[in-house]
Amino acid sequence: MSSLTGRRPKLIATDLDGTIVNHDGTISERTVTTFKRARDMGVEIFFVTGRPPRWMPEIKEAFGFGNAICGNGAMLYDLLGDKVLEEWLISVDDQLETIKRLRLAIPEISFAVESHNYFHREKAYIPRWDVGLDNVGVNVIEEIIQSPALKLLARCSAQNLSSDAMLDIAIPVLDGLVTVTHSNPHDSLLEISAINVSKGATLAKMAARLGIDAADCVTFGDNPNDFSMLAWSGRSYAMASGHPDGAIIAKNVAAPCEEDGVAKAIDALLDLPA
């Protein structure tokens, strides 16, 4: 670990849901105030999330600043201007091959596909968050896959396999084809991105463009889709309220989201010398 980690970070990157967005969807005033303090001290702020842009207006409203990486690293998004700046998408062929392999490995699986401006699902796929966006559904998702996608979603709607169990099956099956992860251990849902696309990989690209070393970055997250950036940055904090493996990956553990764990950690870091 670099000696620079005894100094104030130059870049702060945080997951949203379960990390700075409480489970009831609220963001505390303490959290907003702390991030504004960091911004005013010249620290680069990145909101790094599995969310698509259509779920970002509340973040823009709460903070009014910051950079955004959406879709688990698949998109660089202009939060304030509501513009997609860059995308790293899953090709049609890789989508179809992924679906073929997962249907064989987990027969009860169902799929949805999303980009920044659409969400399509199979009838068997019961959405939790995008209810209303696609009320009809298709029999098999292959019917409507015609363009590169931000993310494939794979669900066991009967909840007979946990996300962790699904991930254990999917990782060897999809090795070398796509990147597979999840963001909720209590659900039965996989999130799939293009090969070598992850929160950590895209954040590393953005930091390099800014001339900021990993040692000068601090990251916060609560679930496996955050682990790549927790492993990459010089300082990282897994949420005490998050996935139990987070504490193995991250360098530190932050207090739970509902106790403003991220804000408490950042305030301490901002008190360090520049």
C-alpha atoms as a PDB file:
ATOM      1  CA  MET A   1       0.000   0.000   0.000  1.00  0.00           C
ATOM      2  CA  SER A   2       1.356   3.392  -0.998  1.00  0.00           C
ATOM      3  CA  SER A   3       2.467   5.962   1.544  1.00  0.00           C
ATOM      4  CA  LEU A   4      -0.016   8.282  -0.202  1.00  0.00           C
ATOM      5  CA  THR A   5      -2.802   6.439   1.599  1.00  0.00           C
ATOM      6  CA  GLY A   6      -1.919   8.489   4.659  1.00  0.00           C
ATOM      7  CA  ARG A   7      -3.079  11.526   2.722  1.00  0.00           C
ATOM      8  CA  ARG A   8      -6.409  12.916   1.647  1.00  0.00           C
ATOM      9  CA  PRO A   9      -7.878  11.025  -1.335  1.00  0.00           C
ATOM     10  CA  LYS A  10      -8.035  12.716  -4.721  1.00  0.00           C
ATOM     11  CA  LEU A  11     -10.988  10.629  -5.915  1.00  0.00           C
ATOM     12  CA  ILE A  12     -13.948   9.142  -4.053  1.00  0.00           C
ATOM     13  CA  ALA A  13     -16.095   6.514  -5.775  1.00  0.00           C
ATOM     14  CA  THR A  14     -19.168   5.037  -4.176  1.00  0.00           C
ATOM     15  CA  ASP A  15     -21.888   2.560  -4.957  1.00  0.00           C
ATOM     16  CA  LEU A  16     -25.422   3.861  -4.408  1.00  0.00           C
ATOM     17  CA  ASP A  17     -28.009   1.374  -3.164  1.00  0.00           C
ATOM     18  CA  GLY A  18     -27.207  -0.073   0.231  1.00  0.00           C
ATOM     19  CA  THR A  19     -24.076   2.086   0.435  1.00  0.00           C
ATOM     20  CA  ILE A  20     -25.204   5.737   0.444  1.00  0.00           C
ATOM     21  CA  VAL A  21     -28.850   5.206  -0.546  1.00  0.00           C
ATOM     22  CA  ASN A  22     -30.753   3.677   2.359  1.00  0.00           C
ATOM     23  CA  HIS A  23     -32.939   0.646   1.829  1.00  0.00           C
ATOM     24  CA  ASP A  24     -36.017   2.902   1.932  1.00  0.00           C
ATOM     25  CA  GLY A  25     -34.588   4.914  -0.986  1.00  0.00           C
ATOM     26  CA  THR A  26     -33.542   7.963   1.034  1.00  0.00           C
ATOM     27  CA  ILE A  27     -30.151   9.700   1.169  1.00  0.00           C
ATOM     28  CA  SER A  28     -29.275  11.334   4.468  1.00  0.00           C
ATOM     29  CA  GLU A  29     -28.481  15.006   4.822  1.00  0.00           C
ATOM     30  CA  ARG A  30     -25.221  14.000   6.524  1.00  0.00           C
ATOM     31  CA  THR A  31     -24.171  12.073   3.417  1.00  0.00           C
ATOM     32  CA  VAL A  32     -24.968  14.932   1.024  1.00  0.00           C
ATOM     33  CA  THR A  33     -23.150  17.437   3.242  1.00  0.00           C
ATOM     34  CA  THR A  34     -20.040  15.259   3.429  1.00  0.00           C
ATOM     35  CA  PHE A  35     -19.884  14.730  -0.334  1.00  0.00           C
ATOM     36  CA  LYS A  36     -20.274  18.481  -0.875  1.00  0.00           C
ATOM     37  CA  ARG A  37     -17.393  19.049   1.523  1.00  0.00           C
ATOM     38  CA  ALA A  38     -15.238  16.647  -0.512  1.00  0.00           C
ATOM     39  CA  ARG A  39     -16.249  18.324  -3.780  1.00  0.00           C
ATOM     40  CA  ASP A  40     -15.424  21.759  -2.350  1.00  0.00           C
ATOM     41  CA  MET A  41     -11.969  20.473  -1.355  1.00  0.00           C
ATOM     42  CA  GLY A  42     -11.281  19.484  -4.977  1.00  0.00           C
ATOM     43  CA  VAL A  43     -11.896  15.747  -4.668  1.00  0.00           C
ATOM     44  CA  GLU A  44     -13.287  14.017  -7.786  1.00  0.00           C
ATOM     45  CA  ILE A  45     -16.621  12.325  -7.038  1.00  0.00           C
ATOM     46  CA  PHE A  46     -17.874   9.253  -8.907  1.00  0.00           C
ATOM     47  CA  PHE A  47     -21.224   7.563  -8.350  1.00  0.00           C
ATOM     48  CA  VAL A  48     -20.651   3.997  -9.583  1.00  0.00           C
ATOM     49  CA  THR A  49     -23.794   1.920  -9.826  1.00  0.00           C
ATOM     50  CA  GLY A  50     -25.574  -0.981 -11.438  1.00  0.00           C
ATOM     51  CA  ARG A  51     -28.467   1.384 -12.156  1.00  0.00           C
ATOM     52  CA  PRO A  52     -29.371   2.491 -15.672  1.00  0.00           C
ATOM     53  CA  PRO A  53     -29.657   6.250 -16.338  1.00  0.00           C
ATOM     54  CA  ARG A  54     -33.444   6.195 -15.925  1.00  0.00           C
ATOM     55  CA  TRP A  55     -32.875   5.574 -12.212  1.00  0.00           C
ATOM     56  CA  MET A  56     -30.428   8.477 -11.779  1.00  0.00           C
ATOM     57  CA  PRO A  57     -32.626  11.626 -11.536  1.00  0.00           C
ATOM     58  CA  GLU A  58     -32.920  11.302  -7.747  1.00  0.00           C
ATOM     59  CA  ILE A  59     -29.123  11.239  -7.471  1.00  0.00           C
ATOM     60  CA  LYS A  60     -28.827  14.365  -9.600  1.00  0.00           C
ATOM     61  CA  GLU A  61     -31.487  16.032  -7.451  1.00  0.00           C
ATOM     62  CA  ALA A  62     -29.850  15.043  -4.153  1.00  0.00           C
ATOM     63  CA  PHE A  63     -26.288  16.074  -5.027  1.00  0.00           C
ATOM     64  CA  GLY A  64     -26.256  18.313  -8.119  1.00  0.00           C
ATOM     65  CA  PHE A  65     -22.674  17.345  -8.963  1.00  0.00           C
ATOM     66  CA  GLY A  66     -20.466  14.356  -9.619  1.00  0.00           C
ATOM     67  CA  ASN A  67     -19.577  11.898 -12.357  1.00  0.00           C
ATOM     68  CA  ALA A  68     -21.597   8.741 -12.974  1.00  0.00           C
ATOM     69  CA  ILE A  69     -20.700   5.231 -14.102  1.00  0.00           C
ATOM     70  CA  CYS A  70     -23.851   3.185 -14.717  1.00  0.00           C
ATOM     71  CA  GLY A  71     -24.690  -0.415 -15.608  1.00  0.00           C
ATOM     72  CA  ASN A  72     -21.912  -1.920 -13.457  1.00  0.00           C
ATOM     73  CA  GLY A  73     -19.253  -0.148 -15.516  1.00  0.00           C
ATOM     74  CA  ALA A  74     -20.897  -0.464 -18.942  1.00  0.00           C
ATOM     75  CA  MET A  75     -21.628   3.251 -19.280  1.00  0.00           C
ATOM     76  CA  LEU A  76     -20.030   6.611 -18.578  1.00  0.00           C
ATOM     77  CA  TYR A  77     -22.967   8.935 -17.974  1.00  0.00           C
ATOM     78  CA  ASP A  78     -23.200  12.722 -17.748  1.00  0.00           C
ATOM     79  CA  LEU A  79     -25.302  12.987 -14.598  1.00  0.00           C
ATOM     80  CA  LEU A  80     -26.054  16.689 -14.872  1.00  0.00           C
ATOM     81  CA  GLY A  81     -26.561  16.796 -18.642  1.00  0.00           C
ATOM     82  CA  ASP A  82     -28.417  13.454 -18.862  1.00  0.00           C
ATOM     83  CA  LYS A  83     -26.220  12.211 -21.695  1.00  0.00           C
ATOM     84  CA  VAL A  84     -24.590   8.878 -22.409  1.00  0.00           C
ATOM     85  CA  LEU A  85     -20.906   9.658 -22.977  1.00  0.00           C
ATOM     86  CA  GLU A  86     -19.424   6.197 -23.591  1.00  0.00           C
ATOM     87  CA  GLU A  87     -20.700   2.621 -23.546  1.00  0.00           C
ATOM     88  CA  TRP A  88     -19.081  -0.807 -23.420  1.00  0.00           C
ATOM     89  CA  LEU A  89     -21.899  -3.104 -24.549  1.00  0.00           C
ATOM     90  CA  ILE A  90     -22.546  -6.840 -24.895  1.00  0.00           C
ATOM     91  CA  SER A  91     -22.681  -7.858 -28.551  1.00  0.00           C
ATOM     92  CA  VAL A  92     -25.728  -9.660 -29.928  1.00  0.00           C
ATOM     93  CA  ASP A  93     -23.723 -12.863 -30.428  1.00  0.00           C
ATOM     94  CA  ASP A  94     -22.404 -12.807 -26.864  1.00  0.00           C
ATOM     95  CA  GLN A  95     -25.889 -12.175 -25.495  1.00  0.00           C
ATOM     96  CA  LEU A  96     -27.276 -15.164 -27.356  1.00  0.00           C
ATOM     97  CA  GLU A  97     -24.389 -17.451 -26.366  1.00  0.00           C
ATOM     98  CA  THR A  98     -24.708 -16.380 -22.722  1.00  0.00           C
ATOM     99  CA  ILE A  99     -28.420 -17.162 -22.708  1.00  0.00           C
ATOM    100  CA  LYS A 100     -27.837 -20.543 -24.372  1.00  0.00           C
ATOM    101  CA  ARG A 101     -25.232 -21.564 -21.769  1.00  0.00           C
ATOM    102  CA  LEU A 102     -27.275 -20.378 -18.787  1.00  0.00           C
ATOM    103  CA  ARG A 103     -30.446 -22.127 -19.951  1.00  0.00           C
ATOM    104  CA  LEU A 104     -28.501 -25.409 -19.957  1.00  0.00           C
ATOM    105  CA  ALA A 105     -26.873 -24.755 -16.572  1.00  0.00           C
ATOM    106  CA  ILE A 106     -29.963 -23.381 -14.774  1.00  0.00           C
ATOM    107  CA  PRO A 107     -33.093 -24.685 -16.586  1.00  0.00           C
ATOM    108  CA  GLU A 108     -35.570 -22.556 -14.574  1.00  0.00           C
ATOM    109  CA  ILE A 109     -33.784 -19.296 -15.434  1.00  0.00           C
ATOM    110  CA  SER A 110     -35.480 -16.352 -17.199  1.00  0.00           C
ATOM    111  CA  PHE A 111     -34.049 -13.226 -18.787  1.00  0.00           C
ATOM    112  CA  ALA A 112     -34.395  -9.506 -19.304  1.00  0.00           C
ATOM    113  CA  VAL A 113     -32.218  -7.174 -21.355  1.00  0.00           C
ATOM    114  CA  GLU A 114     -31.661  -3.461 -20.911  1.00  0.00           C
ATOM    115  CA  SER A 115     -29.953  -0.493 -22.469  1.00  0.00           C
ATOM    116  CA  HIS A 116     -30.111   3.145 -21.418  1.00  0.00           C
ATOM    117  CA  ASN A 117     -33.523   3.644 -23.019  1.00  0.00           C
ATOM    118  CA  TYR A 118     -35.260   0.269 -22.952  1.00  0.00           C
ATOM    119  CA  PHE A 119     -36.041  -2.761 -20.799  1.00  0.00           C
ATOM    120  CA  HIS A 120     -37.435  -5.991 -22.247  1.00  0.00           C
ATOM    121  CA  ARG A 121     -38.222  -9.182 -20.367  1.00  0.00           C
ATOM    122  CA  GLU A 122     -39.513 -12.680 -20.766  1.00  0.00           C
ATOM    123  CA  LYS A 123     -42.993 -13.383 -19.415  1.00  0.00           C
ATOM    124  CA  ALA A 124     -41.416 -15.730 -16.873  1.00  0.00           C
ATOM    125  CA  TYR A 125     -39.137 -12.930 -15.620  1.00  0.00           C
ATOM    126  CA  ILE A 126     -40.938 -11.156 -12.779  1.00  0.00           C
ATOM    127  CA  PRO A 127     -39.419  -7.665 -12.414  1.00  0.00           C
ATOM    128  CA  ARG A 128     -38.860  -6.131  -8.997  1.00  0.00           C
ATOM    129  CA  TRP A 129     -37.957  -2.576  -9.965  1.00  0.00           C
ATOM    130  CA  ASP A 130     -38.958  -2.018 -13.591  1.00  0.00           C
ATOM    131  CA  VAL A 131     -42.614  -2.884 -13.126  1.00  0.00           C
ATOM    132  CA  GLY A 132     -44.574  -1.045 -15.803  1.00  0.00           C
ATOM    133  CA  LEU A 133     -41.769  -0.650 -18.324  1.00  0.00           C
ATOM    134  CA  ASP A 134     -42.551  -3.905 -20.099  1.00  0.00           C
ATOM    135  CA  ASN A 135     -45.929  -5.230 -19.018  1.00  0.00           C
ATOM    136  CA  VAL A 136     -46.287  -7.641 -21.921  1.00  0.00           C
ATOM    137  CA  GLY A 137     -43.049  -9.591 -22.142  1.00  0.00           C
ATOM    138  CA  VAL A 138     -41.994 -12.117 -24.738  1.00  0.00           C
ATOM    139  CA  ASN A 139     -41.943 -15.908 -24.560  1.00  0.00           C
ATOM    140  CA  VAL A 140     -38.183 -16.087 -25.058  1.00  0.00           C
ATOM    141  CA  ILE A 141     -35.832 -13.118 -24.914  1.00  0.00           C
ATOM    142  CA  GLU A 142     -34.060 -14.201 -28.096  1.00  0.00           C
ATOM    143  CA  GLU A 143     -37.080 -12.847 -30.010  1.00  0.00           C
ATOM    144  CA  ILE A 144     -36.171  -9.224 -29.297  1.00  0.00           C
ATOM    145  CA  ILE A 145     -32.364  -9.268 -29.028  1.00  0.00           C
ATOM    146  CA  GLN A 146     -31.333  -7.262 -32.073  1.00  0.00           C
ATOM    147  CA  SER A 147     -28.722  -4.809 -30.778  1.00  0.00           C
ATOM    148  CA  PRO A 148     -25.832  -4.590 -28.278  1.00  0.00           C
ATOM    149  CA  ALA A 149     -27.033  -4.285 -24.680  1.00  0.00           C
ATOM    150  CA  LEU A 150     -25.939  -2.516 -21.536  1.00  0.00           C
ATOM    151  CA  LYS A 151     -26.805  -5.472 -19.350  1.00  0.00           C
ATOM    152  CA  LEU A 152     -28.405  -8.896 -19.366  1.00  0.00           C
ATOM    153  CA  LEU A 153     -30.423  -9.808 -16.281  1.00  0.00           C
ATOM    154  CA  ALA A 154     -31.020 -13.442 -15.365  1.00  0.00           C
ATOM    155  CA  ARG A 155     -33.498 -14.400 -12.678  1.00  0.00           C
ATOM    156  CA  CYS A 156     -34.868 -17.454 -10.936  1.00  0.00           C
ATOM    157  CA  SER A 157     -38.310 -16.037 -10.236  1.00  0.00           C
ATOM    158  CA  ALA A 158     -39.257 -19.024  -8.072  1.00  0.00           C
ATOM    159  CA  GLN A 159     -36.431 -17.952  -5.716  1.00  0.00           C
ATOM    160  CA  ASN A 160     -35.211 -21.555  -5.503  1.00  0.00           C
ATOM    161  CA  LEU A 161     -31.583 -20.438  -5.949  1.00  0.00           C
ATOM    162  CA  SER A 162     -29.944 -17.470  -4.231  1.00  0.00           C
ATOM    163  CA  SER A 163     -27.910 -14.942  -6.188  1.00  0.00           C
ATOM    164  CA  ASP A 164     -24.768 -16.409  -4.627  1.00  0.00           C
ATOM    165  CA  ALA A 165     -25.739 -19.936  -5.715  1.00  0.00           C
ATOM    166  CA  MET A 166     -26.551 -18.729  -9.231  1.00  0.00           C
ATOM    167  CA  LEU A 167     -23.227 -16.899  -9.411  1.00  0.00           C
ATOM    168  CA  ASP A 168     -21.302 -20.010  -8.385  1.00  0.00           C
ATOM    169  CA  ILE A 169     -22.899 -21.893 -11.291  1.00  0.00           C
ATOM    170  CA  ALA A 170     -22.578 -19.066 -13.822  1.00  0.00           C
ATOM    171  CA  ILE A 171     -18.956 -18.022 -13.352  1.00  0.00           C
ATOM    172  CA  PRO A 172     -17.335 -21.185 -14.789  1.00  0.00           C
ATOM    173  CA  VAL A 173     -20.068 -21.564 -17.434  1.00  0.00           C
ATOM    174  CA  LEU A 174     -19.539 -18.011 -18.748  1.00  0.00           C
ATOM    175  CA  ASP A 175     -15.757 -17.783 -18.271  1.00  0.00           C
ATOM    176  CA  GLY A 176     -14.133 -15.820 -21.091  1.00  0.00           C
ATOM    177  CA  LEU A 177     -17.477 -14.802 -22.615  1.00  0.00           C
ATOM    178  CA  VAL A 178     -18.992 -12.106 -20.371  1.00  0.00           C
ATOM    179  CA  THR A 179     -18.642 -10.650 -16.869  1.00  0.00           C
ATOM    180  CA  VAL A 180     -21.225 -11.933 -14.396  1.00  0.00           C
ATOM    181  CA  THR A 181     -21.972 -10.602 -10.912  1.00  0.00           C
ATOM    182  CA  HIS A 182     -24.862  -9.716  -8.609  1.00  0.00           C
ATOM    183  CA  SER A 183     -25.923  -6.858  -6.363  1.00  0.00           C
ATOM    184  CA  ASN A 184     -28.333  -8.499  -3.937  1.00  0.00           C
ATOM    185  CA  PRO A 185     -27.576 -11.702  -1.976  1.00  0.00           C
ATOM    186  CA  HIS A 186     -31.197 -11.906  -0.810  1.00  0.00           C
ATOM    187  CA  ASP A 187     -32.581 -12.090  -4.340  1.00  0.00           C
ATOM    188  CA  SER A 188     -32.206 -14.598  -7.202  1.00  0.00           C
ATOM    189  CA  LEU A 189     -30.710 -12.331  -9.845  1.00  0.00           C
ATOM    190  CA  LEU A 190     -27.549 -12.176 -11.937  1.00  0.00           C
ATOM    191  CA  GLU A 191     -26.286  -9.053 -13.711  1.00  0.00           C
ATOM    192  CA  ILE A 192     -24.229  -9.667 -16.844  1.00  0.00           C
ATOM    193  CA  SER A 193     -21.929  -7.233 -18.676  1.00  0.00           C
ATOM    194  CA  ALA A 194     -19.545  -7.464 -21.616  1.00  0.00           C
ATOM    195  CA  ILE A 195     -16.267  -9.291 -21.027  1.00  0.00           C
ATOM    196  CA  ASN A 196     -13.793  -7.307 -18.891  1.00  0.00           C
ATOM    197  CA  VAL A 197     -16.437  -4.670 -18.089  1.00  0.00           C
ATOM    198  CA  SER A 198     -16.863  -3.986 -14.387  1.00  0.00           C
ATOM    199  CA  LYS A 199     -17.153  -1.085 -11.982  1.00  0.00           C
ATOM    200  CA  GLY A 200     -13.460  -1.402 -11.151  1.00  0.00           C
ATOM    201  CA  ALA A 201     -12.271  -1.553 -14.758  1.00  0.00           C
ATOM    202  CA  THR A 202     -14.205   1.543 -15.833  1.00  0.00           C
ATOM    203  CA  LEU A 203     -13.300   3.481 -12.708  1.00  0.00           C
ATOM    204  CA  ALA A 204      -9.621   2.671 -13.339  1.00  0.00           C
ATOM    205  CA  LYS A 205      -9.975   4.108 -16.872  1.00  0.00           C
ATOM    206  CA  MET A 206     -11.529   7.309 -15.551  1.00  0.00           C
ATOM    207  CA  ALA A 207      -8.880   7.740 -12.849  1.00  0.00           C
ATOM    208  CA  ALA A 208      -6.125   7.224 -15.425  1.00  0.00           C
ATOM    209  CA  ARG A 209      -7.651   9.910 -17.641  1.00  0.00           C
ATOM    210  CA  LEU A 210      -7.561  12.272 -14.664  1.00  0.00           C
ATOM    211  CA  GLY A 211      -3.968  11.326 -13.855  1.00  0.00           C
ATOM    212  CA  ILE A 212      -4.967   9.915 -10.477  1.00  0.00           C
ATOM    213  CA  ASP A 213      -3.288   6.760  -9.172  1.00  0.00           C
ATOM    214  CA  ALA A 214      -5.238   3.957  -7.494  1.00  0.00           C
ATOM    215  CA  ALA A 215      -3.411   4.770  -4.261  1.00  0.00           C
ATOM    216  CA  ASP A 216      -5.121   8.177  -4.207  1.00  0.00           C
ATOM    217  CA  CYS A 217      -8.613   6.723  -4.689  1.00  0.00           C
ATOM    218  CA  VAL A 218     -11.069   5.472  -2.089  1.00  0.00           C
ATOM    219  CA  THR A 219     -14.081   3.289  -2.903  1.00  0.00           C
ATOM    220  CA  PHE A 220     -17.203   2.185  -1.049  1.00  0.00           C
ATOM    221  CA  GLY A 221     -19.566  -0.708  -1.810  1.00  0.00           C
ATOM    222  CA  ASP A 222     -21.717  -3.456  -0.365  1.00  0.00           C
ATOM    223  CA  ASN A 223     -22.086  -6.295  -2.882  1.00  0.00           C
ATOM    224  CA  PRO A 224     -20.149  -8.461  -5.373  1.00  0.00           C
ATOM    225  CA  ASN A 225     -20.704  -5.993  -8.232  1.00  0.00           C
ATOM    226  CA  ASP A 226     -18.610  -3.551  -6.159  1.00  0.00           C
ATOM    227  CA  PHE A 227     -15.765  -5.940  -5.390  1.00  0.00           C
ATOM    228  CA  SER A 228     -13.729  -5.070  -8.500  1.00  0.00           C
ATOM    229  CA  MET A 229     -13.441  -1.417  -7.478  1.00  0.00           C
ATOM    230  CA  LEU A 230     -12.921  -2.272  -3.801  1.00  0.00           C
ATOM    231  CA  ALA A 231      -9.989  -4.475  -4.815  1.00  0.00           C
ATOM    232  CA  TRP A 232      -8.543  -1.881  -7.220  1.00  0.00           C
ATOM    233  CA  SER A 233      -8.376   1.271  -5.100  1.00  0.00           C
ATOM    234  CA  GLY A 234      -5.671   2.060  -2.574  1.00  0.00           C
ATOM    235  CA  ARG A 235      -8.275   2.476   0.128  1.00  0.00           C
ATOM    236  CA  SER A 236     -11.640   0.760   0.127  1.00  0.00           C
ATOM    237  CA  TYR A 237     -14.517   0.189   2.503  1.00  0.00           C
ATOM    238  CA  ALA A 238     -17.047  -2.634   2.468  1.00  0.00           C
ATOM    239  CA  MET A 239     -20.294  -1.827   4.201  1.00  0.00           C
ATOM    240  CA  ALA A 240     -20.837  -3.675   7.475  1.00  0.00           C
ATOM    241  CA  SER A 241     -24.443  -4.137   6.347  1.00  0.00           C
ATOM    242  CA  GLY A 242     -23.408  -5.634   2.982  1.00  0.00           C
ATOM    243  CA  HIS A 243     -22.363  -9.006   1.566  1.00  0.00           C
ATOM    244  CA  PRO A 244     -20.174 -10.927   4.048  1.00  0.00           C
ATOM    245  CA  ASP A 245     -17.385 -11.378   1.476  1.00  0.00           C
ATOM    246  CA  GLY A 246     -16.939  -7.609   1.232  1.00  0.00           C
ATOM    247  CA  ALA A 247     -14.744  -7.538   4.314  1.00  0.00           C
ATOM    248  CA  ILE A 248     -12.381 -10.024   2.634  1.00  0.00           C
ATOM    249  CA  ILE A 249     -12.026  -7.910  -0.516  1.00  0.00           C
ATOM    250  CA  ALA A 250     -11.914  -4.387   0.933  1.00  0.00           C
ATOM    251  CA  LYS A 251      -9.143  -2.909   3.045  1.00  0.00           C
ATOM    252  CA  ASN A 252     -11.582  -1.563   5.645  1.00  0.00           C
ATOM    253  CA  VAL A 253     -15.183  -1.896   6.823  1.00  0.00           C
ATOM    254  CA  ALA A 254     -17.539   1.082   7.107  1.00  0.00           C
ATOM    255  CA  ALA A 255     -20.477   1.345   9.480  1.00  0.00           C
ATOM    256  CA  PRO A 256     -23.842   0.343   7.963  1.00  0.00           C
ATOM    257  CA  CYS A 257     -25.521   2.528   5.367  1.00  0.00           C
ATOM    258  CA  GLU A 258     -28.304   3.521   7.765  1.00  0.00           C
ATOM    259  CA  GLU A 259     -25.646   4.776  10.203  1.00  0.00           C
ATOM    260  CA  ASP A 260     -24.002   7.026   7.557  1.00  0.00           C
ATOM    261  CA  GLY A 261     -20.970   4.759   7.399  1.00  0.00           C
ATOM    262  CA  VAL A 262     -19.654   6.278   4.161  1.00  0.00           C
ATOM    263  CA  ALA A 263     -19.986   9.859   5.409  1.00  0.00           C
ATOM    264  CA  LYS A 264     -18.183   8.993   8.638  1.00  0.00           C
ATOM    265  CA  ALA A 265     -15.279   7.398   6.758  1.00  0.00           C
ATOM    266  CA  ILE A 266     -15.013  10.256   4.258  1.00  0.00           C
ATOM    267  CA  ASP A 267     -15.015  12.923   6.954  1.00  0.00           C
ATOM    268  CA  ALA A 268     -12.056  11.219   8.590  1.00  0.00           C
ATOM    269  CA  LEU A 269     -10.231  10.960   5.259  1.00  0.00           C
ATOM    270  CA  LEU A 270     -10.845  14.629   4.452  1.00  0.00           C
ATOM    271  CA  ASP A 271      -9.159  15.611   7.708  1.00  0.00           C
ATOM    272  CA  LEU A 272      -5.894  14.088   6.443  1.00  0.00           C
ATOM    273  CA  PRO A 273      -3.218  16.343   4.862  1.00  0.00           C
ATOM    274  CA  ALA A 274      -3.471  16.910   1.119  1.00  0.00           C
END
